[in-house]
Each structure stands twice: as C-alpha cells, then as structure tokens.
Amino acid sequence: MNWITKLKKIGENIKKNVLKKFPSKSEIENSDWTSCCSGPILKKDLEKNLWVCNLCGKHHRISCTQRFDIFFGKNNYELINTPLPSNEDPLEWIDTKSYKERLEIAKKKTGQKSAVMISTGKINNVKVTVGAINFDFIGGSIGSAEGEAIIYGIQHAIDNKTSFIMFASGGGQRMFQSPIALSNMTRTTLAVNELKKNNLPYIVCLVDPCAGGITASFAMLGDIHLAEPGALAAFAGRRVVQATVKEELPEDFQTAEYLEKHGFVDKIVQRKDLNSEIGSLLSILLKENSEINLENSNETPELSIKTREAS
C-alpha cells in the first residue's frame, strides 16, 4: 500500500466515521429543533412565543403566512393573488444548477409561487394592504415576480384607498435575473411614489435581514419606519463598508438599534406589539385623510383565508 492509497483510506474513514455524524441541511430544516442562544430549542416552543426566543429575545425568521397570522390573527385576512411573468427565466441562467431548478425547489419548500405575498385585512377596524417577504424563498431576493407582486399590492391599496404596510426583508435583487431584477428597484420606487400621490400612508417594518437593493428602493421610502429588535438592515455588507472607510465600525453597526440611534428608524417594536403599534399609527395618520374609509364597527369578523385576483 503506497502513501496515496493510505491517504485515500484515511479520507474515506473521516467521511464514514466523522462527517456522517453531522446532519444534512434538509435534516436540520425538517427537524423539530432549531438553535438559539442556549443551544437547541424546540420549534413548537418558539412558535408559542411568536417565534421569539424567551431567553435572548431573538426574533427568528418567519414565513409570509406566519407573518400574516401574527399580524392579523389566524383566518382574519385575505390573500391577494398576484401574477407571475410569462417567462420566469428569460436569461436561461445556469451555474451549479439552473435557475428554473432553483425556483422549483423554492416553490416546493415554501409553498409560495414567489418570495413576496400580499394580503388584505383590518387593523383597529381600518382596512389595510400588507406585503411580506419570505427569506426562505431564494434568500428573499427580488426578481420579476416579486417586483410585480409589490406593484400589484400597492395598486390594490390605491384602488381600495387603504394604507400599504410592507414587512421588508431579503438579500437584495436576484442575481439570476441580473438587469431584470435591478429594474424592479425603479419600478417599486415609482409604485411607492404613486401611493404617496394618492395621500395613502406607507409604513415599512424592517425585518432581519434586509439588505442590498431592497434597502436601496422600497424598504427605505416609508412615511414611518419600524423595525424588529436586532434586525440587520444595510445596503453593503459590514466588511465591504469597513474596507472602504478604513476604520473600525461599532459592534451594533447596521442593526435596528444603531439605525434608530442615527435616525433611520423611527421605532423598534417587538413582534407581539406590531399589530397594536401600527394600528395606533394609522388611527393618527388617517384623521388627516378624509378620503380613506374608517369603519367604526366594534368587532372584526373572522374571515376564512382565501385568495383572489389583485385589482
């Protein structure tokens, strides 16, 4: 046995006896456990506390439907069916795998057709249109379908004279669509401008993580900016900024707390309080806007969650 054969055998033993003990990515995702400050924690325990750690207060990432369930209450909202582009992969992108394959995996994993979902419901008896982004769908990146969903959500708000609330998160524009994804920075910005021309409130809640072209477009154009505790919100990454300015950055740089301290965020709000906080803000804002219909009923009827076409 020569030295090459010996090395190969050692490598095989490492794979067999060491690496096999580590769970795969899919095993971790499908596990009943997740990790946090003190080690493994049961997902069902996190869910009971709105996916917030009882010990350290970390706000874990949640899906769009989980966001709507927490914000409106289960079965108290309606999903808006937003359109998909006729060709989701015009560039026919391929790297280690094709973009079409990545899309199919993301759709199957999340049960969504794009990273963005739009819903409508009531907060404090005021009708609102709400958008959310699922980070599990290709990092919450914005492509043509996501840009279209945001625009349709804003158009629905304009047509129905409702406020638009955006829970913004994600890694930026989707590289698999290159200039097509980048064009949605402009398109979503123009849509927000139309919302403001109609004197409709636009409230943004920054959710961990929120970066790149998302913060450079619709996520930082709100009339009011809220953020969940500890949320990362940035354009370029910390290392890129540090290499550019050639100096040490504060430990809390680009966190929600740092942004609030420097005037980029109006208030940090716990997940459990977002419903009441936004409801209070809307009650104040809409007193100045007689065009928006405020309903004074004492109860919000429970709706079955259903999907309809966007107007």
C-alpha atoms as a PDB file:
ATOM      1  CA  MET A   1       0.000   0.000   0.000  1.00  0.00           C
ATOM      2  CA  ASN A   2       1.596   3.275  -1.111  1.00  0.00           C
ATOM      3  CA  TRP A   3       1.134   6.673   0.575  1.00  0.00           C
ATOM      4  CA  ILE A   4      -1.562   7.813  -1.877  1.00  0.00           C
ATOM      5  CA  THR A   5      -3.710   4.774  -1.095  1.00  0.00           C
ATOM      6  CA  LYS A   6      -3.192   5.363   2.628  1.00  0.00           C
ATOM      7  CA  LEU A   7      -4.339   8.995   2.335  1.00  0.00           C
ATOM      8  CA  LYS A   8      -7.429   7.936   0.375  1.00  0.00           C
ATOM      9  CA  LYS A   9      -8.264   5.381   3.048  1.00  0.00           C
ATOM     10  CA  ILE A  10      -7.866   7.997   5.793  1.00  0.00           C
ATOM     11  CA  GLY A  11     -10.201  10.333   3.862  1.00  0.00           C
ATOM     12  CA  GLU A  12     -12.803   7.589   3.480  1.00  0.00           C
ATOM     13  CA  ASN A  13     -12.624   6.845   7.219  1.00  0.00           C
ATOM     14  CA  ILE A  14     -13.145  10.533   8.016  1.00  0.00           C
ATOM     15  CA  LYS A  15     -16.231  10.628   5.776  1.00  0.00           C
ATOM     16  CA  LYS A  16     -17.535   7.379   7.252  1.00  0.00           C
ATOM     17  CA  ASN A  17     -16.920   8.000  10.958  1.00  0.00           C
ATOM     18  CA  VAL A  18     -16.892  11.786  11.389  1.00  0.00           C
ATOM     19  CA  LEU A  19     -18.817  13.589   8.680  1.00  0.00           C
ATOM     20  CA  LYS A  20     -21.771  11.196   8.794  1.00  0.00           C
ATOM     21  CA  LYS A  21     -22.479  12.335  12.363  1.00  0.00           C
ATOM     22  CA  PHE A  22     -23.337  15.833  11.176  1.00  0.00           C
ATOM     23  CA  PRO A  23     -26.940  16.260   9.945  1.00  0.00           C
ATOM     24  CA  SER A  24     -27.573  17.388   6.393  1.00  0.00           C
ATOM     25  CA  LYS A  25     -29.171  20.749   5.559  1.00  0.00           C
ATOM     26  CA  SER A  26     -32.518  19.119   4.798  1.00  0.00           C
ATOM     27  CA  GLU A  27     -32.390  17.129   8.060  1.00  0.00           C
ATOM     28  CA  ILE A  28     -31.822  20.352  10.007  1.00  0.00           C
ATOM     29  CA  GLU A  29     -34.710  22.113   8.233  1.00  0.00           C
ATOM     30  CA  ASN A  30     -37.093  19.207   8.851  1.00  0.00           C
ATOM     31  CA  SER A  31     -36.049  18.745  12.469  1.00  0.00           C
ATOM     32  CA  ASP A  32     -38.294  19.609  15.431  1.00  0.00           C
ATOM     33  CA  TRP A  33     -35.378  21.611  16.836  1.00  0.00           C
ATOM     34  CA  THR A  34     -33.547  24.809  15.924  1.00  0.00           C
ATOM     35  CA  SER A  35     -30.594  26.585  17.514  1.00  0.00           C
ATOM     36  CA  CYS A  36     -30.543  29.766  19.559  1.00  0.00           C
ATOM     37  CA  CYS A  37     -28.565  31.362  22.402  1.00  0.00           C
ATOM     38  CA  SER A  38     -28.630  28.453  24.868  1.00  0.00           C
ATOM     39  CA  GLY A  39     -28.391  25.694  22.265  1.00  0.00           C
ATOM     40  CA  PRO A  40     -31.156  23.578  20.705  1.00  0.00           C
ATOM     41  CA  ILE A  41     -34.722  24.777  21.246  1.00  0.00           C
ATOM     42  CA  LEU A  42     -37.983  23.130  20.203  1.00  0.00           C
ATOM     43  CA  LYS A  43     -39.676  24.853  17.271  1.00  0.00           C
ATOM     44  CA  LYS A  44     -43.097  24.326  18.864  1.00  0.00           C
ATOM     45  CA  ASP A  45     -41.926  26.283  21.931  1.00  0.00           C
ATOM     46  CA  LEU A  46     -40.707  29.101  19.686  1.00  0.00           C
ATOM     47  CA  GLU A  47     -43.994  29.094  17.794  1.00  0.00           C
ATOM     48  CA  LYS A  48     -45.971  29.576  21.017  1.00  0.00           C
ATOM     49  CA  ASN A  49     -43.974  32.775  21.583  1.00  0.00           C
ATOM     50  CA  LEU A  50     -44.438  34.067  18.009  1.00  0.00           C
ATOM     51  CA  TRP A  51     -41.036  32.662  17.005  1.00  0.00           C
ATOM     52  CA  VAL A  52     -39.213  34.855  19.525  1.00  0.00           C
ATOM     53  CA  CYS A  53     -36.682  33.327  21.960  1.00  0.00           C
ATOM     54  CA  ASN A  54     -37.801  33.611  25.595  1.00  0.00           C
ATOM     55  CA  LEU A  55     -34.212  33.878  26.823  1.00  0.00           C
ATOM     56  CA  CYS A  56     -32.389  36.260  24.469  1.00  0.00           C
ATOM     57  CA  GLY A  57     -35.331  37.889  22.652  1.00  0.00           C
ATOM     58  CA  LYS A  58     -34.057  36.933  19.211  1.00  0.00           C
ATOM     59  CA  HIS A  59     -36.768  37.338  16.565  1.00  0.00           C
ATOM     60  CA  HIS A  60     -36.446  34.266  14.361  1.00  0.00           C
ATOM     61  CA  ARG A  61     -37.306  34.393  10.663  1.00  0.00           C
ATOM     62  CA  ILE A  62     -40.869  33.503   9.728  1.00  0.00           C
ATOM     63  CA  SER A  63     -42.784  32.869   6.504  1.00  0.00           C
ATOM     64  CA  CYS A  64     -45.284  35.257   4.907  1.00  0.00           C
ATOM     65  CA  THR A  65     -48.330  33.331   6.149  1.00  0.00           C
ATOM     66  CA  GLN A  66     -46.873  33.134   9.653  1.00  0.00           C
ATOM     67  CA  ARG A  67     -46.371  36.901   9.486  1.00  0.00           C
ATOM     68  CA  PHE A  68     -49.982  37.472   8.421  1.00  0.00           C
ATOM     69  CA  ASP A  69     -51.270  35.060  11.095  1.00  0.00           C
ATOM     70  CA  ILE A  70     -49.415  37.005  13.794  1.00  0.00           C
ATOM     71  CA  PHE A  71     -50.291  40.438  12.432  1.00  0.00           C
ATOM     72  CA  PHE A  72     -53.991  39.943  11.622  1.00  0.00           C
ATOM     73  CA  GLY A  73     -54.823  36.835  13.631  1.00  0.00           C
ATOM     74  CA  LYS A  74     -55.448  33.443  12.044  1.00  0.00           C
ATOM     75  CA  ASN A  75     -58.204  33.404   9.412  1.00  0.00           C
ATOM     76  CA  ASN A  76     -58.665  37.190   9.651  1.00  0.00           C
ATOM     77  CA  TYR A  77     -57.137  38.160   6.311  1.00  0.00           C
ATOM     78  CA  GLU A  78     -57.415  37.512   2.608  1.00  0.00           C
ATOM     79  CA  LEU A  79     -54.531  36.675   0.296  1.00  0.00           C
ATOM     80  CA  ILE A  80     -54.245  38.641  -2.949  1.00  0.00           C
ATOM     81  CA  ASN A  81     -53.335  36.525  -5.964  1.00  0.00           C
ATOM     82  CA  THR A  82     -50.512  38.348  -7.747  1.00  0.00           C
ATOM     83  CA  PRO A  83     -49.462  37.471 -11.324  1.00  0.00           C
ATOM     84  CA  LEU A  84     -46.342  35.652 -12.449  1.00  0.00           C
ATOM     85  CA  PRO A  85     -44.374  36.769 -15.526  1.00  0.00           C
ATOM     86  CA  SER A  86     -44.903  34.596 -18.594  1.00  0.00           C
ATOM     87  CA  ASN A  87     -41.195  33.717 -18.611  1.00  0.00           C
ATOM     88  CA  GLU A  88     -39.570  33.461 -15.192  1.00  0.00           C
ATOM     89  CA  ASP A  89     -36.127  32.652 -16.584  1.00  0.00           C
ATOM     90  CA  PRO A  90     -35.572  34.868 -19.653  1.00  0.00           C
ATOM     91  CA  LEU A  91     -31.775  34.708 -19.280  1.00  0.00           C
ATOM     92  CA  GLU A  92     -31.786  30.882 -19.018  1.00  0.00           C
ATOM     93  CA  TRP A  93     -29.355  31.174 -16.120  1.00  0.00           C
ATOM     94  CA  ILE A  94     -27.214  28.160 -15.202  1.00  0.00           C
ATOM     95  CA  ASP A  95     -24.414  27.917 -12.638  1.00  0.00           C
ATOM     96  CA  THR A  96     -24.085  24.841 -10.395  1.00  0.00           C
ATOM     97  CA  LYS A  97     -27.748  24.261 -11.258  1.00  0.00           C
ATOM     98  CA  SER A  98     -30.283  26.042 -13.436  1.00  0.00           C
ATOM     99  CA  TYR A  99     -32.377  28.942 -12.146  1.00  0.00           C
ATOM    100  CA  LYS A 100     -35.539  27.051 -13.142  1.00  0.00           C
ATOM    101  CA  GLU A 101     -34.472  24.228 -10.846  1.00  0.00           C
ATOM    102  CA  ARG A 102     -33.786  26.685  -8.009  1.00  0.00           C
ATOM    103  CA  LEU A 103     -37.257  28.176  -8.487  1.00  0.00           C
ATOM    104  CA  GLU A 104     -38.947  24.787  -8.350  1.00  0.00           C
ATOM    105  CA  ILE A 105     -37.057  23.881  -5.164  1.00  0.00           C
ATOM    106  CA  ALA A 106     -38.004  27.218  -3.548  1.00  0.00           C
ATOM    107  CA  LYS A 107     -41.683  26.867  -4.521  1.00  0.00           C
ATOM    108  CA  LYS A 108     -41.841  23.336  -3.161  1.00  0.00           C
ATOM    109  CA  LYS A 109     -40.010  24.273   0.046  1.00  0.00           C
ATOM    110  CA  THR A 110     -42.120  27.338   0.898  1.00  0.00           C
ATOM    111  CA  GLY A 111     -45.452  26.595  -0.762  1.00  0.00           C
ATOM    112  CA  GLN A 112     -45.265  30.051  -2.372  1.00  0.00           C
ATOM    113  CA  LYS A 113     -45.034  30.984  -6.041  1.00  0.00           C
ATOM    114  CA  SER A 114     -42.672  33.902  -5.293  1.00  0.00           C
ATOM    115  CA  ALA A 115     -40.840  35.353  -2.288  1.00  0.00           C
ATOM    116  CA  VAL A 116     -43.459  38.112  -1.860  1.00  0.00           C
ATOM    117  CA  MET A 117     -47.035  37.633  -0.709  1.00  0.00           C
ATOM    118  CA  ILE A 118     -49.757  40.280  -0.426  1.00  0.00           C
ATOM    119  CA  SER A 119     -52.749  40.195   1.904  1.00  0.00           C
ATOM    120  CA  THR A 120     -55.581  42.442   2.983  1.00  0.00           C
ATOM    121  CA  GLY A 121     -57.386  42.675   6.293  1.00  0.00           C
ATOM    122  CA  LYS A 122     -58.246  45.017   9.140  1.00  0.00           C
ATOM    123  CA  ILE A 123     -56.195  46.583  11.933  1.00  0.00           C
ATOM    124  CA  ASN A 124     -58.155  48.593  14.505  1.00  0.00           C
ATOM    125  CA  ASN A 125     -61.132  48.248  12.130  1.00  0.00           C
ATOM    126  CA  VAL A 126     -59.123  50.010   9.401  1.00  0.00           C
ATOM    127  CA  LYS A 127     -58.669  48.172   6.112  1.00  0.00           C
ATOM    128  CA  VAL A 128     -55.020  47.739   5.137  1.00  0.00           C
ATOM    129  CA  THR A 129     -52.988  46.060   2.415  1.00  0.00           C
ATOM    130  CA  VAL A 130     -49.905  44.215   3.660  1.00  0.00           C
ATOM    131  CA  GLY A 131     -46.862  42.782   1.896  1.00  0.00           C
ATOM    132  CA  ALA A 132     -44.310  40.347   3.321  1.00  0.00           C
ATOM    133  CA  ILE A 133     -41.177  38.633   2.047  1.00  0.00           C
ATOM    134  CA  ASN A 134     -40.108  35.074   2.845  1.00  0.00           C
ATOM    135  CA  PHE A 135     -36.338  34.784   3.277  1.00  0.00           C
ATOM    136  CA  ASP A 136     -36.552  31.021   2.689  1.00  0.00           C
ATOM    137  CA  PHE A 137     -37.509  31.698  -0.941  1.00  0.00           C
ATOM    138  CA  ILE A 138     -34.062  32.179  -2.532  1.00  0.00           C
ATOM    139  CA  GLY A 139     -32.944  34.492   0.270  1.00  0.00           C
ATOM    140  CA  GLY A 140     -35.987  36.754  -0.110  1.00  0.00           C
ATOM    141  CA  SER A 141     -34.363  38.242  -3.219  1.00  0.00           C
ATOM    142  CA  ILE A 142     -36.395  40.411  -5.582  1.00  0.00           C
ATOM    143  CA  GLY A 143     -36.898  39.209  -9.135  1.00  0.00           C
ATOM    144  CA  SER A 144     -39.551  39.961 -11.746  1.00  0.00           C
ATOM    145  CA  ALA A 145     -42.320  38.031  -9.929  1.00  0.00           C
ATOM    146  CA  GLU A 146     -41.546  39.707  -6.602  1.00  0.00           C
ATOM    147  CA  GLY A 147     -41.411  43.178  -8.119  1.00  0.00           C
ATOM    148  CA  GLU A 148     -44.743  42.539  -9.832  1.00  0.00           C
ATOM    149  CA  ALA A 149     -46.278  41.341  -6.552  1.00  0.00           C
ATOM    150  CA  ILE A 150     -45.199  44.506  -4.704  1.00  0.00           C
ATOM    151  CA  ILE A 151     -46.532  46.732  -7.508  1.00  0.00           C
ATOM    152  CA  TYR A 152     -49.851  44.865  -7.565  1.00  0.00           C
ATOM    153  CA  GLY A 153     -50.077  45.163  -3.784  1.00  0.00           C
ATOM    154  CA  ILE A 154     -49.568  48.910  -3.977  1.00  0.00           C
ATOM    155  CA  GLN A 155     -52.082  49.186  -6.836  1.00  0.00           C
ATOM    156  CA  HIS A 156     -54.606  47.273  -4.734  1.00  0.00           C
ATOM    157  CA  ALA A 157     -54.031  49.768  -1.902  1.00  0.00           C
ATOM    158  CA  ILE A 158     -54.580  52.708  -4.288  1.00  0.00           C
ATOM    159  CA  ASP A 159     -57.711  51.213  -5.856  1.00  0.00           C
ATOM    160  CA  ASN A 160     -59.217  50.420  -2.472  1.00  0.00           C
ATOM    161  CA  LYS A 161     -57.908  53.541  -0.700  1.00  0.00           C
ATOM    162  CA  THR A 162     -56.071  51.600   2.002  1.00  0.00           C
ATOM    163  CA  SER A 163     -52.714  52.106   3.669  1.00  0.00           C
ATOM    164  CA  PHE A 164     -49.856  49.869   2.494  1.00  0.00           C
ATOM    165  CA  ILE A 165     -47.690  48.105   5.078  1.00  0.00           C
ATOM    166  CA  MET A 166     -44.516  46.318   3.992  1.00  0.00           C
ATOM    167  CA  PHE A 167     -42.561  43.824   6.096  1.00  0.00           C
ATOM    168  CA  ALA A 168     -39.271  44.174   4.243  1.00  0.00           C
ATOM    169  CA  SER A 169     -36.530  41.556   4.356  1.00  0.00           C
ATOM    170  CA  GLY A 170     -34.236  39.758   1.928  1.00  0.00           C
ATOM    171  CA  GLY A 171     -30.794  39.873   0.410  1.00  0.00           C
ATOM    172  CA  GLY A 172     -31.432  42.325  -2.431  1.00  0.00           C
ATOM    173  CA  GLN A 173     -32.072  41.925  -6.148  1.00  0.00           C
ATOM    174  CA  ARG A 174     -31.951  38.394  -7.574  1.00  0.00           C
ATOM    175  CA  MET A 175     -28.676  37.849  -9.404  1.00  0.00           C
ATOM    176  CA  PHE A 176     -30.178  35.097 -11.588  1.00  0.00           C
ATOM    177  CA  GLN A 177     -32.209  37.782 -13.358  1.00  0.00           C
ATOM    178  CA  SER A 178     -29.457  40.438 -13.419  1.00  0.00           C
ATOM    179  CA  PRO A 179     -30.737  43.704 -15.081  1.00  0.00           C
ATOM    180  CA  ILE A 180     -34.351  42.487 -14.967  1.00  0.00           C
ATOM    181  CA  ALA A 181     -34.124  42.205 -11.187  1.00  0.00           C
ATOM    182  CA  LEU A 182     -32.346  45.567 -10.928  1.00  0.00           C
ATOM    183  CA  SER A 183     -35.121  47.263 -12.939  1.00  0.00           C
ATOM    184  CA  ASN A 184     -37.527  46.390 -10.146  1.00  0.00           C
ATOM    185  CA  MET A 185     -35.738  48.832  -7.858  1.00  0.00           C
ATOM    186  CA  THR A 186     -37.011  51.602 -10.132  1.00  0.00           C
ATOM    187  CA  ARG A 187     -40.424  50.031 -10.691  1.00  0.00           C
ATOM    188  CA  THR A 188     -41.178  49.551  -6.987  1.00  0.00           C
ATOM    189  CA  THR A 189     -39.921  53.074  -6.215  1.00  0.00           C
ATOM    190  CA  LEU A 190     -42.281  54.524  -8.822  1.00  0.00           C
ATOM    191  CA  ALA A 191     -45.143  52.470  -7.378  1.00  0.00           C
ATOM    192  CA  VAL A 192     -44.466  53.865  -3.885  1.00  0.00           C
ATOM    193  CA  ASN A 193     -44.492  57.383  -5.366  1.00  0.00           C
ATOM    194  CA  GLU A 194     -47.948  56.698  -6.841  1.00  0.00           C
ATOM    195  CA  LEU A 195     -49.144  55.578  -3.422  1.00  0.00           C
ATOM    196  CA  LYS A 196     -47.919  58.846  -1.917  1.00  0.00           C
ATOM    197  CA  LYS A 197     -49.526  60.911  -4.694  1.00  0.00           C
ATOM    198  CA  ASN A 198     -52.815  59.412  -3.514  1.00  0.00           C
ATOM    199  CA  ASN A 199     -52.075  60.506   0.090  1.00  0.00           C
ATOM    200  CA  LEU A 200     -52.100  56.928   1.360  1.00  0.00           C
ATOM    201  CA  PRO A 201     -49.853  56.022   4.320  1.00  0.00           C
ATOM    202  CA  TYR A 202     -46.895  53.735   3.649  1.00  0.00           C
ATOM    203  CA  ILE A 203     -45.444  52.038   6.733  1.00  0.00           C
ATOM    204  CA  VAL A 204     -42.329  49.853   6.498  1.00  0.00           C
ATOM    205  CA  CYS A 205     -41.207  47.349   9.109  1.00  0.00           C
ATOM    206  CA  LEU A 206     -37.598  46.224   8.646  1.00  0.00           C
ATOM    207  CA  VAL A 207     -37.212  42.515   9.342  1.00  0.00           C
ATOM    208  CA  ASP A 208     -33.951  40.603   9.739  1.00  0.00           C
ATOM    209  CA  PRO A 209     -32.165  40.592   7.351  1.00  0.00           C
ATOM    210  CA  CYS A 210     -32.887  43.453   4.968  1.00  0.00           C
ATOM    211  CA  ALA A 211     -30.101  44.350   2.553  1.00  0.00           C
ATOM    212  CA  GLY A 212     -28.921  45.372  -0.909  1.00  0.00           C
ATOM    213  CA  GLY A 213     -31.371  46.667  -3.491  1.00  0.00           C
ATOM    214  CA  ILE A 214     -34.290  46.198  -1.101  1.00  0.00           C
ATOM    215  CA  THR A 215     -32.986  48.878   1.265  1.00  0.00           C
ATOM    216  CA  ALA A 216     -31.947  50.961  -1.751  1.00  0.00           C
ATOM    217  CA  SER A 217     -35.534  51.084  -3.021  1.00  0.00           C
ATOM    218  CA  PHE A 218     -38.965  50.430  -1.492  1.00  0.00           C
ATOM    219  CA  ALA A 219     -37.793  49.473   2.017  1.00  0.00           C
ATOM    220  CA  MET A 220     -36.462  52.936   2.899  1.00  0.00           C
ATOM    221  CA  LEU A 221     -39.224  55.060   1.338  1.00  0.00           C
ATOM    222  CA  GLY A 222     -41.823  54.698   4.078  1.00  0.00           C
ATOM    223  CA  ASP A 223     -43.638  57.539   5.802  1.00  0.00           C
ATOM    224  CA  ILE A 224     -42.801  55.693   9.027  1.00  0.00           C
ATOM    225  CA  HIS A 225     -40.080  53.098   9.550  1.00  0.00           C
ATOM    226  CA  LEU A 226     -40.366  50.467  12.259  1.00  0.00           C
ATOM    227  CA  ALA A 227     -38.008  47.542  12.883  1.00  0.00           C
ATOM    228  CA  GLU A 228     -37.990  44.336  14.850  1.00  0.00           C
ATOM    229  CA  PRO A 229     -35.320  44.157  17.597  1.00  0.00           C
ATOM    230  CA  GLY A 230     -31.883  43.129  16.352  1.00  0.00           C
ATOM    231  CA  ALA A 231     -32.846  43.260  12.687  1.00  0.00           C
ATOM    232  CA  LEU A 232     -29.947  43.723  10.271  1.00  0.00           C
ATOM    233  CA  ALA A 233     -30.651  46.461   7.731  1.00  0.00           C
ATOM    234  CA  ALA A 234     -27.938  47.561   5.307  1.00  0.00           C
ATOM    235  CA  PHE A 235     -27.001  48.162   1.705  1.00  0.00           C
ATOM    236  CA  ALA A 236     -23.432  46.829   1.501  1.00  0.00           C
ATOM    237  CA  GLY A 237     -22.081  44.255   3.942  1.00  0.00           C
ATOM    238  CA  ARG A 238     -20.145  45.207   7.047  1.00  0.00           C
ATOM    239  CA  ARG A 239     -16.781  44.010   5.677  1.00  0.00           C
ATOM    240  CA  VAL A 240     -17.261  45.953   2.440  1.00  0.00           C
ATOM    241  CA  VAL A 241     -18.034  49.157   4.345  1.00  0.00           C
ATOM    242  CA  GLN A 242     -15.120  48.636   6.737  1.00  0.00           C
ATOM    243  CA  ALA A 243     -12.706  48.064   3.852  1.00  0.00           C
ATOM    244  CA  THR A 244     -13.972  51.254   2.194  1.00  0.00           C
ATOM    245  CA  VAL A 245     -13.806  53.621   5.180  1.00  0.00           C
ATOM    246  CA  LYS A 246     -10.618  52.025   6.580  1.00  0.00           C
ATOM    247  CA  GLU A 247     -11.725  52.209  10.202  1.00  0.00           C
ATOM    248  CA  GLU A 248     -13.292  50.053  12.884  1.00  0.00           C
ATOM    249  CA  LEU A 249     -17.077  50.052  12.914  1.00  0.00           C
ATOM    250  CA  PRO A 250     -19.290  49.946  16.028  1.00  0.00           C
ATOM    251  CA  GLU A 251     -20.303  46.482  17.206  1.00  0.00           C
ATOM    252  CA  ASP A 252     -24.004  47.241  16.615  1.00  0.00           C
ATOM    253  CA  PHE A 253     -23.382  48.750  13.150  1.00  0.00           C
ATOM    254  CA  GLN A 254     -26.277  48.138  10.721  1.00  0.00           C
ATOM    255  CA  THR A 255     -28.580  46.773  13.436  1.00  0.00           C
ATOM    256  CA  ALA A 256     -32.059  48.157  14.102  1.00  0.00           C
ATOM    257  CA  GLU A 257     -30.773  49.707  17.324  1.00  0.00           C
ATOM    258  CA  TYR A 258     -27.952  51.526  15.506  1.00  0.00           C
ATOM    259  CA  LEU A 259     -30.356  52.752  12.820  1.00  0.00           C
ATOM    260  CA  GLU A 260     -32.795  54.063  15.423  1.00  0.00           C
ATOM    261  CA  LYS A 261     -29.991  55.880  17.204  1.00  0.00           C
ATOM    262  CA  HIS A 262     -28.993  57.599  13.941  1.00  0.00           C
ATOM    263  CA  GLY A 263     -32.496  58.486  12.746  1.00  0.00           C
ATOM    264  CA  PHE A 264     -33.024  55.870  10.027  1.00  0.00           C
ATOM    265  CA  VAL A 265     -35.671  54.003  12.030  1.00  0.00           C
ATOM    266  CA  ASP A 266     -38.483  55.716  13.924  1.00  0.00           C
ATOM    267  CA  LYS A 267     -39.101  52.977  16.475  1.00  0.00           C
ATOM    268  CA  ILE A 268     -38.094  49.413  17.343  1.00  0.00           C
ATOM    269  CA  VAL A 269     -41.174  47.302  18.062  1.00  0.00           C
ATOM    270  CA  GLN A 270     -41.483  43.795  19.473  1.00  0.00           C
ATOM    271  CA  ARG A 271     -43.207  41.357  17.120  1.00  0.00           C
ATOM    272  CA  LYS A 272     -46.112  40.877  19.550  1.00  0.00           C
ATOM    273  CA  ASP A 273     -46.732  44.644  19.597  1.00  0.00           C
ATOM    274  CA  LEU A 274     -46.616  45.366  15.847  1.00  0.00           C
ATOM    275  CA  ASN A 275     -50.372  44.973  15.397  1.00  0.00           C
ATOM    276  CA  SER A 276     -51.289  47.483  18.117  1.00  0.00           C
ATOM    277  CA  GLU A 277     -48.438  49.873  17.259  1.00  0.00           C
ATOM    278  CA  ILE A 278     -49.304  50.076  13.574  1.00  0.00           C
ATOM    279  CA  GLY A 279     -52.995  50.279  14.428  1.00  0.00           C
ATOM    280  CA  SER A 280     -52.327  53.302  16.656  1.00  0.00           C
ATOM    281  CA  LEU A 281     -50.204  54.963  13.965  1.00  0.00           C
ATOM    282  CA  LEU A 282     -52.903  54.503  11.352  1.00  0.00           C
ATOM    283  CA  SER A 283     -55.554  55.939  13.667  1.00  0.00           C
ATOM    284  CA  ILE A 284     -53.425  59.087  13.991  1.00  0.00           C
ATOM    285  CA  LEU A 285     -52.448  59.343  10.313  1.00  0.00           C
ATOM    286  CA  LEU A 286     -55.919  58.757   8.887  1.00  0.00           C
ATOM    287  CA  LYS A 287     -57.538  61.521  10.921  1.00  0.00           C
ATOM    288  CA  GLU A 288     -55.888  63.864   8.420  1.00  0.00           C
ATOM    289  CA  ASN A 289     -57.173  61.976   5.378  1.00  0.00           C
ATOM    290  CA  SER A 290     -60.936  62.097   4.812  1.00  0.00           C
ATOM    291  CA  GLU A 291     -60.722  60.100   1.551  1.00  0.00           C
ATOM    292  CA  ILE A 292     -59.899  56.888   3.391  1.00  0.00           C
ATOM    293  CA  ASN A 293     -62.817  54.983   4.804  1.00  0.00           C
ATOM    294  CA  LEU A 294     -62.592  54.323   8.571  1.00  0.00           C
ATOM    295  CA  GLU A 295     -65.049  51.696   9.732  1.00  0.00           C
ATOM    296  CA  ASN A 296     -66.356  52.185  13.256  1.00  0.00           C
ATOM    297  CA  SER A 297     -67.734  48.733  13.968  1.00  0.00           C
ATOM    298  CA  ASN A 298     -66.701  47.278  17.311  1.00  0.00           C
ATOM    299  CA  GLU A 299     -65.845  43.831  16.000  1.00  0.00           C
ATOM    300  CA  THR A 300     -63.688  42.491  13.192  1.00  0.00           C
ATOM    301  CA  PRO A 301     -65.462  39.496  11.584  1.00  0.00           C
ATOM    302  CA  GLU A 302     -63.383  36.352  11.232  1.00  0.00           C
ATOM    303  CA  LEU A 303     -62.759  35.604   7.570  1.00  0.00           C
ATOM    304  CA  SER A 304     -61.722  32.361   6.004  1.00  0.00           C
ATOM    305  CA  ILE A 305     -58.305  32.767   4.393  1.00  0.00           C
ATOM    306  CA  LYS A 306     -58.925  32.812   0.668  1.00  0.00           C
ATOM    307  CA  THR A 307     -57.160  34.009  -2.431  1.00  0.00           C
ATOM    308  CA  ARG A 308     -58.499  36.371  -5.064  1.00  0.00           C
ATOM    309  CA  GLU A 309     -57.128  38.251  -8.025  1.00  0.00           C
ATOM    310  CA  ALA A 310     -55.475  41.612  -7.404  1.00  0.00           C
ATOM    311  CA  SER A 311     -57.402  44.598  -8.721  1.00  0.00           C
END
